[in-house]
Amino acid sequence: MKSHEFASLLCSRLCHDLLSPVGALNNGIELLADEHDPEMRARCLDLLGESARASANKLKFFRLAFGAAGGFADQVDTREARVAIEGLFGGDGRIQLGWMVDEPTMSKSALKVLLNIVLIAGDALVRGGRLDVGAEKHDSGLDIVVRAEGPRIVLDPELAKVLRGEIDEQEIAPRAAAAWLVHLLVDEAGGEVQVADGGEENMLLLGVALPG
């Protein structure tokens, strides 16, 4: 896949994810312009605030997961990843977060891998649940594990295939942009991606082993 084609996938994914909160902002402004009841105006302002925060949190996450956040340094503070994940998934209480990353820094590529498998696992928690994020460095490299558990977990089979590199790159849809980025980064590093869908156990495990 050429770079401009992958850029198109990412742009399509970003536009899809931002459409809802930005659309809510637009609708809220229109309602506010026509509303004169003080209570309803206050409610409109609350909704506008929620939509603005959701949009900002998504942008912060996507900048770190897909963009060039972190400046020119080779290593990025892992606290930035934690804040981004908490902003994206922890704001409404629908998903409980567990953070088991003791490393103070990670390489930019490793951090992007972590954030993108968190994005995939979090999206799979369609009815909420718990998301545990772990990473550990050892002599032979870095292991990243994300565990999702909830009443209903739906992982698109295409995403699992893309993560494992089992699909033709010309068949990849925008919804699989994060999975394709994980595959590219892990494959470039000579690592391995593992996907374990618990099915009836309502659990999903995504693991990445990066040599280094």
C-alpha atoms as a PDB file:
ATOM      1  CA  MET A   1       0.000   0.000   0.000  1.00  0.00           C
ATOM      2  CA  LYS A   2       1.368   3.411  -0.998  1.00  0.00           C
ATOM      3  CA  SER A   3       1.773   6.129   1.618  1.00  0.00           C
ATOM      4  CA  HIS A   4      -0.958   8.336   0.153  1.00  0.00           C
ATOM      5  CA  GLU A   5      -3.392   5.405   0.200  1.00  0.00           C
ATOM      6  CA  PHE A   6      -2.662   4.776   3.869  1.00  0.00           C
ATOM      7  CA  ALA A   7      -3.048   8.497   4.571  1.00  0.00           C
ATOM      8  CA  SER A   8      -6.494   8.308   2.963  1.00  0.00           C
ATOM      9  CA  LEU A   9      -7.418   5.396   5.243  1.00  0.00           C
ATOM     10  CA  LEU A  10      -6.353   7.337   8.314  1.00  0.00           C
ATOM     11  CA  CYS A  11      -8.197  10.483   7.229  1.00  0.00           C
ATOM     12  CA  SER A  12     -11.376   8.493   6.629  1.00  0.00           C
ATOM     13  CA  ARG A  13     -11.094   6.906  10.076  1.00  0.00           C
ATOM     14  CA  LEU A  14     -10.491  10.269  11.774  1.00  0.00           C
ATOM     15  CA  CYS A  15     -13.386  11.944   9.983  1.00  0.00           C
ATOM     16  CA  HIS A  16     -15.705   9.075  10.944  1.00  0.00           C
ATOM     17  CA  ASP A  17     -14.749   9.257  14.627  1.00  0.00           C
ATOM     18  CA  LEU A  18     -14.965  13.056  14.833  1.00  0.00           C
ATOM     19  CA  LEU A  19     -18.249  13.353  12.931  1.00  0.00           C
ATOM     20  CA  SER A  20     -20.420  12.558  15.966  1.00  0.00           C
ATOM     21  CA  PRO A  21     -19.033  15.059  18.516  1.00  0.00           C
ATOM     22  CA  VAL A  22     -18.555  17.809  15.931  1.00  0.00           C
ATOM     23  CA  GLY A  23     -22.088  17.202  14.603  1.00  0.00           C
ATOM     24  CA  ALA A  24     -23.406  17.424  18.165  1.00  0.00           C
ATOM     25  CA  LEU A  25     -21.639  20.776  18.550  1.00  0.00           C
ATOM     26  CA  ASN A  26     -23.300  22.082  15.415  1.00  0.00           C
ATOM     27  CA  ASN A  27     -26.739  20.862  16.487  1.00  0.00           C
ATOM     28  CA  GLY A  28     -26.282  22.334  19.966  1.00  0.00           C
ATOM     29  CA  ILE A  29     -25.384  25.748  18.579  1.00  0.00           C
ATOM     30  CA  GLU A  30     -28.467  25.706  16.336  1.00  0.00           C
ATOM     31  CA  LEU A  31     -30.712  24.764  19.273  1.00  0.00           C
ATOM     32  CA  LEU A  32     -29.139  27.421  21.470  1.00  0.00           C
ATOM     33  CA  ALA A  33     -29.822  30.116  18.875  1.00  0.00           C
ATOM     34  CA  ASP A  34     -33.559  29.309  18.854  1.00  0.00           C
ATOM     35  CA  GLU A  35     -34.013  28.535  22.555  1.00  0.00           C
ATOM     36  CA  HIS A  36     -35.130  31.186  25.058  1.00  0.00           C
ATOM     37  CA  ASP A  37     -36.013  29.091  28.098  1.00  0.00           C
ATOM     38  CA  PRO A  38     -33.215  29.516  30.697  1.00  0.00           C
ATOM     39  CA  GLU A  39     -33.233  25.837  31.753  1.00  0.00           C
ATOM     40  CA  MET A  40     -33.091  24.585  28.181  1.00  0.00           C
ATOM     41  CA  ARG A  41     -30.323  27.035  27.324  1.00  0.00           C
ATOM     42  CA  ALA A  42     -28.337  25.771  30.318  1.00  0.00           C
ATOM     43  CA  ARG A  43     -28.873  22.198  29.129  1.00  0.00           C
ATOM     44  CA  CYS A  44     -27.731  23.133  25.624  1.00  0.00           C
ATOM     45  CA  LEU A  45     -24.576  24.677  27.061  1.00  0.00           C
ATOM     46  CA  ASP A  46     -23.887  21.500  29.051  1.00  0.00           C
ATOM     47  CA  LEU A  47     -24.248  19.401  25.893  1.00  0.00           C
ATOM     48  CA  LEU A  48     -21.995  21.765  23.983  1.00  0.00           C
ATOM     49  CA  GLY A  49     -19.362  21.450  26.713  1.00  0.00           C
ATOM     50  CA  GLU A  50     -19.547  17.634  26.618  1.00  0.00           C
ATOM     51  CA  SER A  51     -19.216  17.582  22.833  1.00  0.00           C
ATOM     52  CA  ALA A  52     -16.295  20.021  22.907  1.00  0.00           C
ATOM     53  CA  ARG A  53     -14.458  17.894  25.492  1.00  0.00           C
ATOM     54  CA  ALA A  54     -15.109  14.713  23.505  1.00  0.00           C
ATOM     55  CA  SER A  55     -13.764  16.336  20.331  1.00  0.00           C
ATOM     56  CA  ALA A  56     -10.658  17.653  22.115  1.00  0.00           C
ATOM     57  CA  ASN A  57      -9.959  14.283  23.781  1.00  0.00           C
ATOM     58  CA  LYS A  58     -10.242  12.436  20.480  1.00  0.00           C
ATOM     59  CA  LEU A  59      -7.929  14.899  18.761  1.00  0.00           C
ATOM     60  CA  LYS A  60      -5.332  14.569  21.536  1.00  0.00           C
ATOM     61  CA  PHE A  61      -5.473  10.773  21.316  1.00  0.00           C
ATOM     62  CA  PHE A  62      -5.287  10.671  17.512  1.00  0.00           C
ATOM     63  CA  ARG A  63      -2.383  13.130  17.465  1.00  0.00           C
ATOM     64  CA  LEU A  64      -0.387  10.796  19.697  1.00  0.00           C
ATOM     65  CA  ALA A  65      -1.573   7.541  18.089  1.00  0.00           C
ATOM     66  CA  PHE A  66      -1.312   8.588  14.437  1.00  0.00           C
ATOM     67  CA  GLY A  67       0.602  11.860  14.292  1.00  0.00           C
ATOM     68  CA  ALA A  68       3.948  13.348  15.252  1.00  0.00           C
ATOM     69  CA  ALA A  69       3.249  14.152  18.909  1.00  0.00           C
ATOM     70  CA  GLY A  70       6.251  13.954  21.202  1.00  0.00           C
ATOM     71  CA  GLY A  71       8.500  16.338  19.284  1.00  0.00           C
ATOM     72  CA  PHE A  72      11.861  15.262  17.894  1.00  0.00           C
ATOM     73  CA  ALA A  73      12.902  13.031  20.797  1.00  0.00           C
ATOM     74  CA  ASP A  74      13.230   9.295  20.178  1.00  0.00           C
ATOM     75  CA  GLN A  75      11.490   8.501  23.479  1.00  0.00           C
ATOM     76  CA  VAL A  76       8.037   9.681  24.596  1.00  0.00           C
ATOM     77  CA  ASP A  77       6.757   9.974  28.165  1.00  0.00           C
ATOM     78  CA  THR A  78       4.285   7.125  28.757  1.00  0.00           C
ATOM     79  CA  ARG A  79       2.228   9.436  30.968  1.00  0.00           C
ATOM     80  CA  GLU A  80       1.119  11.158  27.768  1.00  0.00           C
ATOM     81  CA  ALA A  81      -0.344   7.870  26.575  1.00  0.00           C
ATOM     82  CA  ARG A  82      -2.139   7.318  29.874  1.00  0.00           C
ATOM     83  CA  VAL A  83      -3.701  10.780  29.797  1.00  0.00           C
ATOM     84  CA  ALA A  84      -4.784  10.279  26.172  1.00  0.00           C
ATOM     85  CA  ILE A  85      -6.378   6.898  26.938  1.00  0.00           C
ATOM     86  CA  GLU A  86      -8.167   8.226  30.014  1.00  0.00           C
ATOM     87  CA  GLY A  87      -9.499  11.150  27.990  1.00  0.00           C
ATOM     88  CA  LEU A  88     -10.799   8.927  25.206  1.00  0.00           C
ATOM     89  CA  PHE A  89     -12.310   6.076  27.220  1.00  0.00           C
ATOM     90  CA  GLY A  90     -12.485   7.077  30.875  1.00  0.00           C
ATOM     91  CA  GLY A  91     -14.555  10.245  30.810  1.00  0.00           C
ATOM     92  CA  ASP A  92     -18.091   8.859  31.014  1.00  0.00           C
ATOM     93  CA  GLY A  93     -17.422   5.901  33.327  1.00  0.00           C
ATOM     94  CA  ARG A  94     -18.603   3.390  30.733  1.00  0.00           C
ATOM     95  CA  ILE A  95     -15.141   1.808  30.602  1.00  0.00           C
ATOM     96  CA  GLN A  96     -12.961   1.264  33.656  1.00  0.00           C
ATOM     97  CA  LEU A  97      -9.236   1.609  33.016  1.00  0.00           C
ATOM     98  CA  GLY A  98      -6.293  -0.223  34.523  1.00  0.00           C
ATOM     99  CA  TRP A  99      -2.732   1.035  33.899  1.00  0.00           C
ATOM    100  CA  MET A 100       0.150  -1.391  34.405  1.00  0.00           C
ATOM    101  CA  VAL A 101       2.951   0.374  32.564  1.00  0.00           C
ATOM    102  CA  ASP A 102       5.944   1.036  34.794  1.00  0.00           C
ATOM    103  CA  GLU A 103       8.276   2.218  32.046  1.00  0.00           C
ATOM    104  CA  PRO A 104       8.617   6.030  32.158  1.00  0.00           C
ATOM    105  CA  THR A 105       9.303   6.295  28.420  1.00  0.00           C
ATOM    106  CA  MET A 106       8.821   4.347  25.188  1.00  0.00           C
ATOM    107  CA  SER A 107       9.959   4.790  21.633  1.00  0.00           C
ATOM    108  CA  LYS A 108       7.497   6.649  19.423  1.00  0.00           C
ATOM    109  CA  SER A 109       6.723   3.534  17.393  1.00  0.00           C
ATOM    110  CA  ALA A 110       6.134   1.385  20.496  1.00  0.00           C
ATOM    111  CA  LEU A 111       3.835   4.033  21.959  1.00  0.00           C
ATOM    112  CA  LYS A 112       1.855   4.182  18.718  1.00  0.00           C
ATOM    113  CA  VAL A 113       1.486   0.394  18.817  1.00  0.00           C
ATOM    114  CA  LEU A 114       0.233   0.548  22.397  1.00  0.00           C
ATOM    115  CA  LEU A 115      -2.270   3.329  21.689  1.00  0.00           C
ATOM    116  CA  ASN A 116      -3.644   1.701  18.575  1.00  0.00           C
ATOM    117  CA  ILE A 117      -4.240  -1.709  20.145  1.00  0.00           C
ATOM    118  CA  VAL A 118      -5.914   0.124  23.050  1.00  0.00           C
ATOM    119  CA  LEU A 119      -8.139   1.853  20.474  1.00  0.00           C
ATOM    120  CA  ILE A 120      -9.055  -1.475  18.890  1.00  0.00           C
ATOM    121  CA  ALA A 121      -9.742  -3.165  22.233  1.00  0.00           C
ATOM    122  CA  GLY A 122     -11.738  -0.203  23.529  1.00  0.00           C
ATOM    123  CA  ASP A 123     -13.910  -0.109  20.411  1.00  0.00           C
ATOM    124  CA  ALA A 124     -14.633  -3.818  20.924  1.00  0.00           C
ATOM    125  CA  LEU A 125     -16.250  -3.066  24.321  1.00  0.00           C
ATOM    126  CA  VAL A 126     -19.594  -2.173  22.743  1.00  0.00           C
ATOM    127  CA  ARG A 127     -21.425  -2.256  26.093  1.00  0.00           C
ATOM    128  CA  GLY A 128     -18.581  -0.980  28.229  1.00  0.00           C
ATOM    129  CA  GLY A 129     -16.447  -2.959  30.636  1.00  0.00           C
ATOM    130  CA  ARG A 130     -12.829  -2.880  31.707  1.00  0.00           C
ATOM    131  CA  LEU A 131      -9.666  -2.126  29.790  1.00  0.00           C
ATOM    132  CA  ASP A 132      -6.298  -3.092  31.272  1.00  0.00           C
ATOM    133  CA  VAL A 133      -3.100  -1.825  29.643  1.00  0.00           C
ATOM    134  CA  GLY A 134       0.271  -3.347  30.450  1.00  0.00           C
ATOM    135  CA  ALA A 135       3.826  -3.096  29.136  1.00  0.00           C
ATOM    136  CA  GLU A 136       7.111  -4.536  30.347  1.00  0.00           C
ATOM    137  CA  LYS A 137      10.671  -4.205  29.112  1.00  0.00           C
ATOM    138  CA  HIS A 138      13.053  -7.142  29.361  1.00  0.00           C
ATOM    139  CA  ASP A 139      16.431  -8.177  28.003  1.00  0.00           C
ATOM    140  CA  SER A 140      15.055  -9.207  24.612  1.00  0.00           C
ATOM    141  CA  GLY A 141      12.659  -6.321  24.037  1.00  0.00           C
ATOM    142  CA  LEU A 142       9.254  -4.983  25.046  1.00  0.00           C
ATOM    143  CA  ASP A 143       5.961  -6.802  25.615  1.00  0.00           C
ATOM    144  CA  ILE A 144       2.659  -4.904  25.363  1.00  0.00           C
ATOM    145  CA  VAL A 145      -0.633  -6.463  26.440  1.00  0.00           C
ATOM    146  CA  VAL A 146      -4.137  -4.989  26.371  1.00  0.00           C
ATOM    147  CA  ARG A 147      -6.982  -6.911  27.996  1.00  0.00           C
ATOM    148  CA  ALA A 148     -10.628  -6.006  27.387  1.00  0.00           C
ATOM    149  CA  GLU A 149     -13.412  -7.551  29.441  1.00  0.00           C
ATOM    150  CA  GLY A 150     -17.121  -6.751  29.321  1.00  0.00           C
ATOM    151  CA  PRO A 151     -20.666  -8.049  28.878  1.00  0.00           C
ATOM    152  CA  ARG A 152     -20.320  -7.992  25.092  1.00  0.00           C
ATOM    153  CA  ILE A 153     -17.155  -7.867  23.040  1.00  0.00           C
ATOM    154  CA  VAL A 154     -17.250  -7.521  19.266  1.00  0.00           C
ATOM    155  CA  LEU A 155     -13.947  -7.614  17.389  1.00  0.00           C
ATOM    156  CA  ASP A 156     -14.365  -7.229  13.657  1.00  0.00           C
ATOM    157  CA  PRO A 157     -12.804 -10.375  12.096  1.00  0.00           C
ATOM    158  CA  GLU A 158     -11.148  -8.149   9.485  1.00  0.00           C
ATOM    159  CA  LEU A 159      -9.251  -6.292  12.219  1.00  0.00           C
ATOM    160  CA  ALA A 160      -7.875  -9.543  13.615  1.00  0.00           C
ATOM    161  CA  LYS A 161      -6.715 -10.577  10.142  1.00  0.00           C
ATOM    162  CA  VAL A 162      -5.093  -7.204   9.501  1.00  0.00           C
ATOM    163  CA  LEU A 163      -3.282  -7.326  12.851  1.00  0.00           C
ATOM    164  CA  ARG A 164      -1.868 -10.730  11.930  1.00  0.00           C
ATOM    165  CA  GLY A 165      -1.049  -9.651   8.378  1.00  0.00           C
ATOM    166  CA  GLU A 166      -3.472 -12.187   6.903  1.00  0.00           C
ATOM    167  CA  ILE A 167      -5.271  -9.857   4.481  1.00  0.00           C
ATOM    168  CA  ASP A 168      -4.324  -8.251   1.176  1.00  0.00           C
ATOM    169  CA  GLU A 169      -3.460  -4.599   1.771  1.00  0.00           C
ATOM    170  CA  GLN A 170      -5.663  -3.530  -1.150  1.00  0.00           C
ATOM    171  CA  GLU A 171      -8.717  -4.896   0.699  1.00  0.00           C
ATOM    172  CA  ILE A 172      -8.215  -2.876   3.881  1.00  0.00           C
ATOM    173  CA  ALA A 173     -11.119  -0.585   4.819  1.00  0.00           C
ATOM    174  CA  PRO A 174     -10.797   2.707   6.761  1.00  0.00           C
ATOM    175  CA  ARG A 175     -12.104   1.050   9.953  1.00  0.00           C
ATOM    176  CA  ALA A 176      -8.954  -1.115   9.919  1.00  0.00           C
ATOM    177  CA  ALA A 177      -6.494   1.804   9.698  1.00  0.00           C
ATOM    178  CA  ALA A 178      -5.359   1.411  13.320  1.00  0.00           C
ATOM    179  CA  ALA A 179      -4.858  -2.335  12.890  1.00  0.00           C
ATOM    180  CA  TRP A 180      -2.855  -1.810   9.700  1.00  0.00           C
ATOM    181  CA  LEU A 181      -0.618   0.750  11.402  1.00  0.00           C
ATOM    182  CA  VAL A 182       0.046  -1.746  14.226  1.00  0.00           C
ATOM    183  CA  HIS A 183       0.896  -4.450  11.685  1.00  0.00           C
ATOM    184  CA  LEU A 184       3.258  -2.150   9.770  1.00  0.00           C
ATOM    185  CA  LEU A 185       5.122  -0.955  12.875  1.00  0.00           C
ATOM    186  CA  VAL A 186       5.426  -4.413  14.417  1.00  0.00           C
ATOM    187  CA  ASP A 187       6.463  -6.028  11.130  1.00  0.00           C
ATOM    188  CA  GLU A 188       9.075  -3.314  10.553  1.00  0.00           C
ATOM    189  CA  ALA A 189      10.534  -3.990  14.012  1.00  0.00           C
ATOM    190  CA  GLY A 190      10.575  -7.753  13.479  1.00  0.00           C
ATOM    191  CA  GLY A 191       8.003  -8.304  16.221  1.00  0.00           C
ATOM    192  CA  GLU A 192       4.827 -10.326  16.569  1.00  0.00           C
ATOM    193  CA  VAL A 193       1.143  -9.582  17.185  1.00  0.00           C
ATOM    194  CA  GLN A 194      -1.103 -12.015  19.042  1.00  0.00           C
ATOM    195  CA  VAL A 195      -4.904 -11.885  19.162  1.00  0.00           C
ATOM    196  CA  ALA A 196      -6.925 -14.011  21.594  1.00  0.00           C
ATOM    197  CA  ASP A 197     -10.686 -13.532  21.439  1.00  0.00           C
ATOM    198  CA  GLY A 198     -12.280 -15.199  24.476  1.00  0.00           C
ATOM    199  CA  GLY A 199     -15.679 -15.489  22.794  1.00  0.00           C
ATOM    200  CA  GLU A 200     -18.114 -16.724  25.419  1.00  0.00           C
ATOM    201  CA  GLU A 201     -15.726 -15.623  28.169  1.00  0.00           C
ATOM    202  CA  ASN A 202     -16.348 -11.990  27.120  1.00  0.00           C
ATOM    203  CA  MET A 203     -12.645 -11.267  27.047  1.00  0.00           C
ATOM    204  CA  LEU A 204     -10.199 -10.078  24.421  1.00  0.00           C
ATOM    205  CA  LEU A 205      -6.422 -10.098  24.647  1.00  0.00           C
ATOM    206  CA  LEU A 206      -4.176  -8.206  22.241  1.00  0.00           C
ATOM    207  CA  GLY A 207      -0.456  -8.708  22.665  1.00  0.00           C
ATOM    208  CA  VAL A 208       2.623  -7.385  20.916  1.00  0.00           C
ATOM    209  CA  ALA A 209       6.220  -8.539  21.327  1.00  0.00           C
ATOM    210  CA  LEU A 210       8.800  -6.027  20.101  1.00  0.00           C
ATOM    211  CA  PRO A 211      12.478  -6.988  19.993  1.00  0.00           C
ATOM    212  CA  GLY A 212      15.047  -4.485  21.092  1.00  0.00           C
END
